[in-house]
Amino acid sequence: MLLRVTETTLATWRSRGGGPAYIKRGGRVLYRLADLQAFMATRNIEQGEPA
């Protein structure tokens, strides 16, 4: 589990227009590794920064 969130959380993010980029194939939702890494990089908080 790369993002450490549930499938339900990912579905909620998708329905609200947020979360990592994804593709749909045959009714399945798929995430590319590069998209997940980019998503995580934009949410990286350096230690000592206020949240």
PDB file of N, CA and C in Angstrom:
ATOM      1  N   MET A   1       0.852  -1.175   0.000  1.00  0.00           N
ATOM      2  CA  MET A   1       0.000   0.000   0.000  1.00  0.00           C
ATOM      3  C   MET A   1       0.899   1.240   0.000  1.00  0.00           C
ATOM      4  N   LEU A   2       1.078   1.811  -1.131  1.00  0.00           N
ATOM      5  CA  LEU A   2       2.030   2.903  -1.306  1.00  0.00           C
ATOM      6  C   LEU A   2       1.588   4.185  -0.601  1.00  0.00           C
ATOM      7  N   LEU A   3       0.312   4.549  -0.733  1.00  0.00           N
ATOM      8  CA  LEU A   3      -0.165   5.792  -0.128  1.00  0.00           C
ATOM      9  C   LEU A   3      -0.640   5.626   1.315  1.00  0.00           C
ATOM     10  N   ARG A   4      -0.837   4.402   1.719  1.00  0.00           N
ATOM     11  CA  ARG A   4      -1.339   4.098   3.065  1.00  0.00           C
ATOM     12  C   ARG A   4      -2.710   4.702   3.333  1.00  0.00           C
ATOM     13  N   VAL A   5      -3.580   4.636   2.329  1.00  0.00           N
ATOM     14  CA  VAL A   5      -4.973   5.028   2.474  1.00  0.00           C
ATOM     15  C   VAL A   5      -5.832   3.895   1.924  1.00  0.00           C
ATOM     16  N   THR A   6      -7.080   3.868   2.335  1.00  0.00           N
ATOM     17  CA  THR A   6      -7.980   2.803   1.898  1.00  0.00           C
ATOM     18  C   THR A   6      -8.491   3.066   0.484  1.00  0.00           C
ATOM     19  N   GLU A   7      -9.047   2.021  -0.123  1.00  0.00           N
ATOM     20  CA  GLU A   7      -9.671   2.175  -1.436  1.00  0.00           C
ATOM     21  C   GLU A   7     -10.838   3.148  -1.357  1.00  0.00           C
ATOM     22  N   THR A   8     -11.530   3.150  -0.222  1.00  0.00           N
ATOM     23  CA  THR A   8     -12.646   4.068  -0.027  1.00  0.00           C
ATOM     24  C   THR A   8     -12.165   5.517  -0.055  1.00  0.00           C
ATOM     25  N   THR A   9     -11.035   5.786   0.572  1.00  0.00           N
ATOM     26  CA  THR A   9     -10.476   7.139   0.557  1.00  0.00           C
ATOM     27  C   THR A   9     -10.117   7.549  -0.859  1.00  0.00           C
ATOM     28  N   LEU A  10      -9.503   6.660  -1.616  1.00  0.00           N
ATOM     29  CA  LEU A  10      -9.164   6.968  -3.001  1.00  0.00           C
ATOM     30  C   LEU A  10     -10.420   7.252  -3.816  1.00  0.00           C
ATOM     31  N   ALA A  11     -11.468   6.467  -3.616  1.00  0.00           N
ATOM     32  CA  ALA A  11     -12.729   6.679  -4.329  1.00  0.00           C
ATOM     33  C   ALA A  11     -13.334   8.030  -3.965  1.00  0.00           C
ATOM     34  N   THR A  12     -13.249   8.411  -2.703  1.00  0.00           N
ATOM     35  CA  THR A  12     -13.767   9.707  -2.264  1.00  0.00           C
ATOM     36  C   THR A  12     -12.991  10.828  -2.918  1.00  0.00           C
ATOM     37  N   TRP A  13     -11.676  10.712  -2.923  1.00  0.00           N
ATOM     38  CA  TRP A  13     -10.846  11.735  -3.570  1.00  0.00           C
ATOM     39  C   TRP A  13     -11.202  11.864  -5.047  1.00  0.00           C
ATOM     40  N   ARG A  14     -11.384  10.711  -5.744  1.00  0.00           N
ATOM     41  CA  ARG A  14     -11.743  10.753  -7.168  1.00  0.00           C
ATOM     42  C   ARG A  14     -13.073  11.457  -7.369  1.00  0.00           C
ATOM     43  N   SER A  15     -14.061  11.158  -6.539  1.00  0.00           N
ATOM     44  CA  SER A  15     -15.390  11.751  -6.714  1.00  0.00           C
ATOM     45  C   SER A  15     -15.380  13.252  -6.444  1.00  0.00           C
ATOM     46  N   ARG A  16     -14.438  13.706  -5.644  1.00  0.00           N
ATOM     47  CA  ARG A  16     -14.326  15.137  -5.325  1.00  0.00           C
ATOM     48  C   ARG A  16     -13.345  15.866  -6.234  1.00  0.00           C
ATOM     49  N   GLY A  17     -12.748  15.129  -7.167  1.00  0.00           N
ATOM     50  CA  GLY A  17     -11.819  15.744  -8.110  1.00  0.00           C
ATOM     51  C   GLY A  17     -10.413  15.901  -7.569  1.00  0.00           C
ATOM     52  N   GLY A  18     -10.082  15.169  -6.530  1.00  0.00           N
ATOM     53  CA  GLY A  18      -8.740  15.251  -5.961  1.00  0.00           C
ATOM     54  C   GLY A  18      -8.034  13.918  -6.058  1.00  0.00           C
ATOM     55  N   GLY A  19      -6.948  13.813  -5.353  1.00  0.00           N
ATOM     56  CA  GLY A  19      -6.189  12.570  -5.338  1.00  0.00           C
ATOM     57  C   GLY A  19      -5.284  12.440  -6.533  1.00  0.00           C
ATOM     58  N   PRO A  20      -4.589  11.319  -6.608  1.00  0.00           N
ATOM     59  CA  PRO A  20      -3.643  11.104  -7.710  1.00  0.00           C
ATOM     60  C   PRO A  20      -4.366  10.875  -9.036  1.00  0.00           C
ATOM     61  N   ALA A  21      -3.668  11.168 -10.127  1.00  0.00           N
ATOM     62  CA  ALA A  21      -4.210  10.905 -11.459  1.00  0.00           C
ATOM     63  C   ALA A  21      -4.448   9.401 -11.608  1.00  0.00           C
ATOM     64  N   TYR A  22      -5.474   9.053 -12.366  1.00  0.00           N
ATOM     65  CA  TYR A  22      -5.801   7.637 -12.557  1.00  0.00           C
ATOM     66  C   TYR A  22      -6.327   7.424 -13.965  1.00  0.00           C
ATOM     67  N   ILE A  23      -6.394   6.148 -14.352  1.00  0.00           N
ATOM     68  CA  ILE A  23      -6.995   5.778 -15.630  1.00  0.00           C
ATOM     69  C   ILE A  23      -8.026   4.693 -15.353  1.00  0.00           C
ATOM     70  N   LYS A  24      -9.031   4.610 -16.214  1.00  0.00           N
ATOM     71  CA  LYS A  24     -10.039   3.564 -16.087  1.00  0.00           C
ATOM     72  C   LYS A  24      -9.932   2.645 -17.286  1.00  0.00           C
ATOM     73  N   ARG A  25      -9.881   1.354 -17.003  1.00  0.00           N
ATOM     74  CA  ARG A  25      -9.824   0.335 -18.052  1.00  0.00           C
ATOM     75  C   ARG A  25     -10.786  -0.778 -17.684  1.00  0.00           C
ATOM     76  N   GLY A  26     -11.761  -0.976 -18.515  1.00  0.00           N
ATOM     77  CA  GLY A  26     -12.707  -2.067 -18.287  1.00  0.00           C
ATOM     78  C   GLY A  26     -13.408  -1.962 -16.943  1.00  0.00           C
ATOM     79  N   GLY A  27     -13.695  -0.757 -16.507  1.00  0.00           N
ATOM     80  CA  GLY A  27     -14.373  -0.557 -15.230  1.00  0.00           C
ATOM     81  C   GLY A  27     -13.443  -0.560 -14.027  1.00  0.00           C
ATOM     82  N   ARG A  28     -12.177  -0.845 -14.258  1.00  0.00           N
ATOM     83  CA  ARG A  28     -11.194  -0.836 -13.164  1.00  0.00           C
ATOM     84  C   ARG A  28     -10.492   0.497 -13.112  1.00  0.00           C
ATOM     85  N   VAL A  29     -10.166   0.944 -11.919  1.00  0.00           N
ATOM     86  CA  VAL A  29      -9.402   2.172 -11.724  1.00  0.00           C
ATOM     87  C   VAL A  29      -7.955   1.767 -11.486  1.00  0.00           C
ATOM     88  N   LEU A  30      -7.048   2.338 -12.286  1.00  0.00           N
ATOM     89  CA  LEU A  30      -5.635   2.004 -12.189  1.00  0.00           C
ATOM     90  C   LEU A  30      -4.821   3.270 -11.960  1.00  0.00           C
ATOM     91  N   TYR A  31      -3.734   3.113 -11.231  1.00  0.00           N
ATOM     92  CA  TYR A  31      -2.835   4.228 -10.945  1.00  0.00           C
ATOM     93  C   TYR A  31      -1.445   3.886 -11.456  1.00  0.00           C
ATOM     94  N   ARG A  32      -0.820   4.822 -12.168  1.00  0.00           N
ATOM     95  CA  ARG A  32       0.562   4.633 -12.596  1.00  0.00           C
ATOM     96  C   ARG A  32       1.480   5.008 -11.433  1.00  0.00           C
ATOM     97  N   LEU A  33       2.565   4.286 -11.283  1.00  0.00           N
ATOM     98  CA  LEU A  33       3.507   4.536 -10.197  1.00  0.00           C
ATOM     99  C   LEU A  33       4.002   5.981 -10.222  1.00  0.00           C
ATOM    100  N   ALA A  34       4.307   6.501 -11.390  1.00  0.00           N
ATOM    101  CA  ALA A  34       4.803   7.874 -11.506  1.00  0.00           C
ATOM    102  C   ALA A  34       3.764   8.881 -11.008  1.00  0.00           C
ATOM    103  N   ASP A  35       2.481   8.616 -11.273  1.00  0.00           N
ATOM    104  CA  ASP A  35       1.414   9.510 -10.809  1.00  0.00           C
ATOM    105  C   ASP A  35       1.283   9.467  -9.291  1.00  0.00           C
ATOM    106  N   LEU A  36       1.427   8.282  -8.712  1.00  0.00           N
ATOM    107  CA  LEU A  36       1.362   8.160  -7.252  1.00  0.00           C
ATOM    108  C   LEU A  36       2.541   8.878  -6.601  1.00  0.00           C
ATOM    109  N   GLN A  37       3.724   8.715  -7.189  1.00  0.00           N
ATOM    110  CA  GLN A  37       4.906   9.378  -6.645  1.00  0.00           C
ATOM    111  C   GLN A  37       4.783  10.892  -6.747  1.00  0.00           C
ATOM    112  N   ALA A  38       4.247  11.383  -7.867  1.00  0.00           N
ATOM    113  CA  ALA A  38       4.063  12.824  -8.043  1.00  0.00           C
ATOM    114  C   ALA A  38       3.049  13.356  -7.033  1.00  0.00           C
ATOM    115  N   PHE A  39       1.981  12.615  -6.815  1.00  0.00           N
ATOM    116  CA  PHE A  39       0.971  13.013  -5.840  1.00  0.00           C
ATOM    117  C   PHE A  39       1.579  13.107  -4.446  1.00  0.00           C
ATOM    118  N   MET A  40       2.358  12.113  -4.076  1.00  0.00           N
ATOM    119  CA  MET A  40       2.987  12.126  -2.756  1.00  0.00           C
ATOM    120  C   MET A  40       3.981  13.274  -2.628  1.00  0.00           C
ATOM    121  N   ALA A  41       4.703  13.578  -3.686  1.00  0.00           N
ATOM    122  CA  ALA A  41       5.704  14.649  -3.645  1.00  0.00           C
ATOM    123  C   ALA A  41       5.051  16.009  -3.412  1.00  0.00           C
ATOM    124  N   THR A  42       3.848  16.198  -3.937  1.00  0.00           N
ATOM    125  CA  THR A  42       3.170  17.489  -3.761  1.00  0.00           C
ATOM    126  C   THR A  42       2.591  17.635  -2.368  1.00  0.00           C
ATOM    127  N   ARG A  43       2.530  16.547  -1.617  1.00  0.00           N
ATOM    128  CA  ARG A  43       1.972  16.592  -0.274  1.00  0.00           C
ATOM    129  C   ARG A  43       3.017  16.320   0.796  1.00  0.00           C
ATOM    130  N   ASN A  44       4.271  16.392   0.413  1.00  0.00           N
ATOM    131  CA  ASN A  44       5.369  16.142   1.342  1.00  0.00           C
ATOM    132  C   ASN A  44       5.558  17.369   2.229  1.00  0.00           C
ATOM    133  N   ILE A  45       5.502  17.176   3.527  1.00  0.00           N
ATOM    134  CA  ILE A  45       5.712  18.260   4.476  1.00  0.00           C
ATOM    135  C   ILE A  45       7.062  18.034   5.135  1.00  0.00           C
ATOM    136  N   GLU A  46       7.942  18.998   4.992  1.00  0.00           N
ATOM    137  CA  GLU A  46       9.259  18.887   5.592  1.00  0.00           C
ATOM    138  C   GLU A  46       9.140  18.999   7.112  1.00  0.00           C
ATOM    139  N   GLN A  47       9.965  18.260   7.794  1.00  0.00           N
ATOM    140  CA  GLN A  47       9.958  18.297   9.239  1.00  0.00           C
ATOM    141  C   GLN A  47      10.252  19.713   9.711  1.00  0.00           C
ATOM    142  N   GLY A  48       9.482  20.186  10.671  1.00  0.00           N
ATOM    143  CA  GLY A  48       9.661  21.528  11.214  1.00  0.00           C
ATOM    144  C   GLY A  48       8.713  22.542  10.606  1.00  0.00           C
ATOM    145  N   GLU A  49       8.081  22.211   9.467  1.00  0.00           N
ATOM    146  CA  GLU A  49       7.107  23.114   8.853  1.00  0.00           C
ATOM    147  C   GLU A  49       5.760  22.935   9.546  1.00  0.00           C
ATOM    148  N   PRO A  50       5.017  24.008   9.730  1.00  0.00           N
ATOM    149  CA  PRO A  50       3.671  23.850  10.292  1.00  0.00           C
ATOM    150  C   PRO A  50       2.772  23.127   9.303  1.00  0.00           C
ATOM    151  N   ALA A  51       1.883  22.322   9.807  1.00  0.00           N
ATOM    152  CA  ALA A  51       0.989  21.542   8.959  1.00  0.00           C
ATOM    153  C   ALA A  51      -0.100  22.391   8.364  1.00  0.00           C
TER     154      ALA A  51
END
